[in-house]
Amino acid sequence: MAGRLVGFVLGLRTFSQQGLFVIGGALAGRYGILPVVLTGCALPIGGFGWS
């Protein structure tokens, strides 16, 4: 992989891991913790199944 692509992927991972806490917290406050956690678990499972 090109260095630029590796940097982009690492930046995207960091943003999604740390930067989306605010959105996850807002969604958990609105819909409840359990649906948000289950959705957060289902998304990677769907991604792994799709690839």
PDB file of N, CA and C in Angstrom:
ATOM      1  N   MET A   1       0.841  -1.190   0.000  1.00  0.00           N
ATOM      2  CA  MET A   1       0.000   0.000   0.000  1.00  0.00           C
ATOM      3  C   MET A   1       0.879   1.243   0.000  1.00  0.00           C
ATOM      4  N   ALA A   2       0.377   2.249  -0.635  1.00  0.00           N
ATOM      5  CA  ALA A   2       1.085   3.520  -0.627  1.00  0.00           C
ATOM      6  C   ALA A   2       1.005   4.141   0.768  1.00  0.00           C
ATOM      7  N   GLY A   3       2.027   4.897   1.120  1.00  0.00           N
ATOM      8  CA  GLY A   3       2.056   5.527   2.437  1.00  0.00           C
ATOM      9  C   GLY A   3       0.871   6.441   2.667  1.00  0.00           C
ATOM     10  N   ARG A   4       0.421   7.102   1.619  1.00  0.00           N
ATOM     11  CA  ARG A   4      -0.726   8.007   1.738  1.00  0.00           C
ATOM     12  C   ARG A   4      -1.991   7.233   2.106  1.00  0.00           C
ATOM     13  N   LEU A   5      -2.182   6.075   1.504  1.00  0.00           N
ATOM     14  CA  LEU A   5      -3.360   5.251   1.787  1.00  0.00           C
ATOM     15  C   LEU A   5      -3.303   4.690   3.213  1.00  0.00           C
ATOM     16  N   VAL A   6      -2.123   4.283   3.646  1.00  0.00           N
ATOM     17  CA  VAL A   6      -1.973   3.780   5.010  1.00  0.00           C
ATOM     18  C   VAL A   6      -2.297   4.879   6.016  1.00  0.00           C
ATOM     19  N   GLY A   7      -1.806   6.079   5.773  1.00  0.00           N
ATOM     20  CA  GLY A   7      -2.118   7.200   6.657  1.00  0.00           C
ATOM     21  C   GLY A   7      -3.593   7.510   6.686  1.00  0.00           C
ATOM     22  N   PHE A   8      -4.258   7.444   5.525  1.00  0.00           N
ATOM     23  CA  PHE A   8      -5.692   7.689   5.465  1.00  0.00           C
ATOM     24  C   PHE A   8      -6.465   6.653   6.254  1.00  0.00           C
ATOM     25  N   VAL A   9      -6.104   5.395   6.101  1.00  0.00           N
ATOM     26  CA  VAL A   9      -6.803   4.321   6.815  1.00  0.00           C
ATOM     27  C   VAL A   9      -6.602   4.457   8.321  1.00  0.00           C
ATOM     28  N   LEU A  10      -5.390   4.770   8.752  1.00  0.00           N
ATOM     29  CA  LEU A  10      -5.142   4.936  10.182  1.00  0.00           C
ATOM     30  C   LEU A  10      -5.879   6.155  10.733  1.00  0.00           C
ATOM     31  N   GLY A  11      -5.921   7.237   9.976  1.00  0.00           N
ATOM     32  CA  GLY A  11      -6.669   8.409  10.407  1.00  0.00           C
ATOM     33  C   GLY A  11      -8.156   8.137  10.493  1.00  0.00           C
ATOM     34  N   LEU A  12      -8.689   7.406   9.532  1.00  0.00           N
ATOM     35  CA  LEU A  12     -10.106   7.051   9.540  1.00  0.00           C
ATOM     36  C   LEU A  12     -10.437   6.153  10.722  1.00  0.00           C
ATOM     37  N   ARG A  13      -9.550   5.229  11.028  1.00  0.00           N
ATOM     38  CA  ARG A  13      -9.759   4.353  12.182  1.00  0.00           C
ATOM     39  C   ARG A  13      -9.753   5.148  13.485  1.00  0.00           C
ATOM     40  N   THR A  14      -8.807   6.057  13.623  1.00  0.00           N
ATOM     41  CA  THR A  14      -8.732   6.864  14.828  1.00  0.00           C
ATOM     42  C   THR A  14      -9.970   7.735  14.974  1.00  0.00           C
ATOM     43  N   PHE A  15     -10.390   8.345  13.880  1.00  0.00           N
ATOM     44  CA  PHE A  15     -11.591   9.177  13.932  1.00  0.00           C
ATOM     45  C   PHE A  15     -12.811   8.359  14.310  1.00  0.00           C
ATOM     46  N   SER A  16     -12.970   7.198  13.694  1.00  0.00           N
ATOM     47  CA  SER A  16     -14.162   6.401  13.979  1.00  0.00           C
ATOM     48  C   SER A  16     -14.128   5.830  15.392  1.00  0.00           C
ATOM     49  N   GLN A  17     -12.942   5.581  15.923  1.00  0.00           N
ATOM     50  CA  GLN A  17     -12.859   5.021  17.269  1.00  0.00           C
ATOM     51  C   GLN A  17     -13.041   6.091  18.339  1.00  0.00           C
ATOM     52  N   GLN A  18     -12.454   7.268  18.140  1.00  0.00           N
ATOM     53  CA  GLN A  18     -12.473   8.279  19.179  1.00  0.00           C
ATOM     54  C   GLN A  18     -13.405   9.443  18.865  1.00  0.00           C
ATOM     55  N   GLY A  19     -13.553   9.776  17.613  1.00  0.00           N
ATOM     56  CA  GLY A  19     -14.319  10.960  17.256  1.00  0.00           C
ATOM     57  C   GLY A  19     -15.816  10.758  17.219  1.00  0.00           C
ATOM     58  N   LEU A  20     -16.254   9.532  17.187  1.00  0.00           N
ATOM     59  CA  LEU A  20     -17.694   9.272  17.088  1.00  0.00           C
ATOM     60  C   LEU A  20     -18.346   9.007  18.444  1.00  0.00           C
ATOM     61  N   PHE A  21     -17.605   9.227  19.542  1.00  0.00           N
ATOM     62  CA  PHE A  21     -18.189   9.048  20.870  1.00  0.00           C
ATOM     63  C   PHE A  21     -19.367   9.993  21.085  1.00  0.00           C
ATOM     64  N   VAL A  22     -19.257  11.203  20.570  1.00  0.00           N
ATOM     65  CA  VAL A  22     -20.332  12.182  20.746  1.00  0.00           C
ATOM     66  C   VAL A  22     -21.597  11.715  20.040  1.00  0.00           C
ATOM     67  N   ILE A  23     -21.453  11.226  18.830  1.00  0.00           N
ATOM     68  CA  ILE A  23     -22.622  10.743  18.078  1.00  0.00           C
ATOM     69  C   ILE A  23     -23.203   9.499  18.747  1.00  0.00           C
ATOM     70  N   GLY A  24     -22.336   8.582  19.166  1.00  0.00           N
ATOM     71  CA  GLY A  24     -22.819   7.381  19.857  1.00  0.00           C
ATOM     72  C   GLY A  24     -23.524   7.712  21.157  1.00  0.00           C
ATOM     73  N   GLY A  25     -22.994   8.673  21.894  1.00  0.00           N
ATOM     74  CA  GLY A  25     -23.640   9.089  23.139  1.00  0.00           C
ATOM     75  C   GLY A  25     -24.993   9.733  22.893  1.00  0.00           C
ATOM     76  N   ALA A  26     -25.083  10.553  21.846  1.00  0.00           N
ATOM     77  CA  ALA A  26     -26.364  11.180  21.514  1.00  0.00           C
ATOM     78  C   ALA A  26     -27.389  10.134  21.085  1.00  0.00           C
ATOM     79  N   LEU A  27     -26.943   9.172  20.293  1.00  0.00           N
ATOM     80  CA  LEU A  27     -27.863   8.109  19.876  1.00  0.00           C
ATOM     81  C   LEU A  27     -28.300   7.245  21.061  1.00  0.00           C
ATOM     82  N   ALA A  28     -27.366   6.964  21.973  1.00  0.00           N
ATOM     83  CA  ALA A  28     -27.715   6.173  23.160  1.00  0.00           C
ATOM     84  C   ALA A  28     -28.681   6.937  24.049  1.00  0.00           C
ATOM     85  N   GLY A  29     -28.518   8.241  24.145  1.00  0.00           N
ATOM     86  CA  GLY A  29     -29.444   9.038  24.930  1.00  0.00           C
ATOM     87  C   GLY A  29     -30.829   9.086  24.323  1.00  0.00           C
ATOM     88  N   ARG A  30     -30.893   9.049  22.998  1.00  0.00           N
ATOM     89  CA  ARG A  30     -32.181   9.154  22.315  1.00  0.00           C
ATOM     90  C   ARG A  30     -32.913   7.812  22.229  1.00  0.00           C
ATOM     91  N   TYR A  31     -32.177   6.749  21.862  1.00  0.00           N
ATOM     92  CA  TYR A  31     -32.822   5.458  21.602  1.00  0.00           C
ATOM     93  C   TYR A  31     -32.592   4.420  22.687  1.00  0.00           C
ATOM     94  N   GLY A  32     -31.692   4.677  23.615  1.00  0.00           N
ATOM     95  CA  GLY A  32     -31.358   3.698  24.644  1.00  0.00           C
ATOM     96  C   GLY A  32     -30.036   3.024  24.320  1.00  0.00           C
ATOM     97  N   ILE A  33     -29.434   2.474  25.345  1.00  0.00           N
ATOM     98  CA  ILE A  33     -28.099   1.917  25.181  1.00  0.00           C
ATOM     99  C   ILE A  33     -28.115   0.608  24.395  1.00  0.00           C
ATOM    100  N   LEU A  34     -29.045  -0.274  24.702  1.00  0.00           N
ATOM    101  CA  LEU A  34     -29.049  -1.599  24.088  1.00  0.00           C
ATOM    102  C   LEU A  34     -29.182  -1.565  22.569  1.00  0.00           C
ATOM    103  N   PRO A  35     -30.121  -0.815  21.972  1.00  0.00           N
ATOM    104  CA  PRO A  35     -30.190  -0.799  20.503  1.00  0.00           C
ATOM    105  C   PRO A  35     -28.928  -0.238  19.854  1.00  0.00           C
ATOM    106  N   VAL A  36     -28.310   0.745  20.489  1.00  0.00           N
ATOM    107  CA  VAL A  36     -27.097   1.329  19.917  1.00  0.00           C
ATOM    108  C   VAL A  36     -25.936   0.340  19.998  1.00  0.00           C
ATOM    109  N   VAL A  37     -25.811  -0.358  21.109  1.00  0.00           N
ATOM    110  CA  VAL A  37     -24.740  -1.354  21.242  1.00  0.00           C
ATOM    111  C   VAL A  37     -24.960  -2.504  20.263  1.00  0.00           C
ATOM    112  N   LEU A  38     -26.176  -2.977  20.128  1.00  0.00           N
ATOM    113  CA  LEU A  38     -26.448  -4.066  19.191  1.00  0.00           C
ATOM    114  C   LEU A  38     -26.188  -3.645  17.751  1.00  0.00           C
ATOM    115  N   THR A  39     -26.532  -2.416  17.411  1.00  0.00           N
ATOM    116  CA  THR A  39     -26.238  -1.910  16.067  1.00  0.00           C
ATOM    117  C   THR A  39     -24.732  -1.800  15.865  1.00  0.00           C
ATOM    118  N   GLY A  40     -24.029  -1.325  16.894  1.00  0.00           N
ATOM    119  CA  GLY A  40     -22.578  -1.239  16.812  1.00  0.00           C
ATOM    120  C   GLY A  40     -21.907  -2.590  16.663  1.00  0.00           C
ATOM    121  N   CYS A  41     -22.509  -3.634  17.180  1.00  0.00           N
ATOM    122  CA  CYS A  41     -21.980  -4.985  16.996  1.00  0.00           C
ATOM    123  C   CYS A  41     -22.361  -5.569  15.638  1.00  0.00           C
ATOM    124  N   ALA A  42     -23.549  -5.214  15.156  1.00  0.00           N
ATOM    125  CA  ALA A  42     -24.028  -5.768  13.892  1.00  0.00           C
ATOM    126  C   ALA A  42     -23.301  -5.182  12.686  1.00  0.00           C
ATOM    127  N   LEU A  43     -22.878  -3.939  12.774  1.00  0.00           N
ATOM    128  CA  LEU A  43     -22.199  -3.311  11.635  1.00  0.00           C
ATOM    129  C   LEU A  43     -20.898  -4.021  11.257  1.00  0.00           C
ATOM    130  N   PRO A  44     -19.998  -4.298  12.194  1.00  0.00           N
ATOM    131  CA  PRO A  44     -18.780  -5.032  11.788  1.00  0.00           C
ATOM    132  C   PRO A  44     -19.074  -6.460  11.318  1.00  0.00           C
ATOM    133  N   ILE A  45     -20.065  -7.101  11.942  1.00  0.00           N
ATOM    134  CA  ILE A  45     -20.425  -8.453  11.513  1.00  0.00           C
ATOM    135  C   ILE A  45     -20.899  -8.428  10.066  1.00  0.00           C
ATOM    136  N   GLY A  46     -21.743  -7.444   9.747  1.00  0.00           N
ATOM    137  CA  GLY A  46     -22.208  -7.305   8.365  1.00  0.00           C
ATOM    138  C   GLY A  46     -21.064  -6.990   7.407  1.00  0.00           C
ATOM    139  N   GLY A  47     -20.129  -6.154   7.855  1.00  0.00           N
ATOM    140  CA  GLY A  47     -18.980  -5.845   7.017  1.00  0.00           C
ATOM    141  C   GLY A  47     -18.092  -7.046   6.754  1.00  0.00           C
ATOM    142  N   PHE A  48     -17.853  -7.836   7.793  1.00  0.00           N
ATOM    143  CA  PHE A  48     -17.047  -9.042   7.603  1.00  0.00           C
ATOM    144  C   PHE A  48     -17.770 -10.050   6.719  1.00  0.00           C
ATOM    145  N   GLY A  49     -19.085 -10.154   6.875  1.00  0.00           N
ATOM    146  CA  GLY A  49     -19.849 -11.072   6.045  1.00  0.00           C
ATOM    147  C   GLY A  49     -19.911 -10.632   4.597  1.00  0.00           C
ATOM    148  N   TRP A  50     -19.909  -9.340   4.371  1.00  0.00           N
ATOM    149  CA  TRP A  50     -19.999  -8.804   3.015  1.00  0.00           C
ATOM    150  C   TRP A  50     -18.693  -8.977   2.261  1.00  0.00           C
ATOM    151  N   SER A  51     -17.558  -8.928   2.987  1.00  0.00           N
ATOM    152  CA  SER A  51     -16.269  -9.014   2.319  1.00  0.00           C
ATOM    153  C   SER A  51     -15.825 -10.409   2.107  1.00  0.00           C
TER     154      SER A  51
END
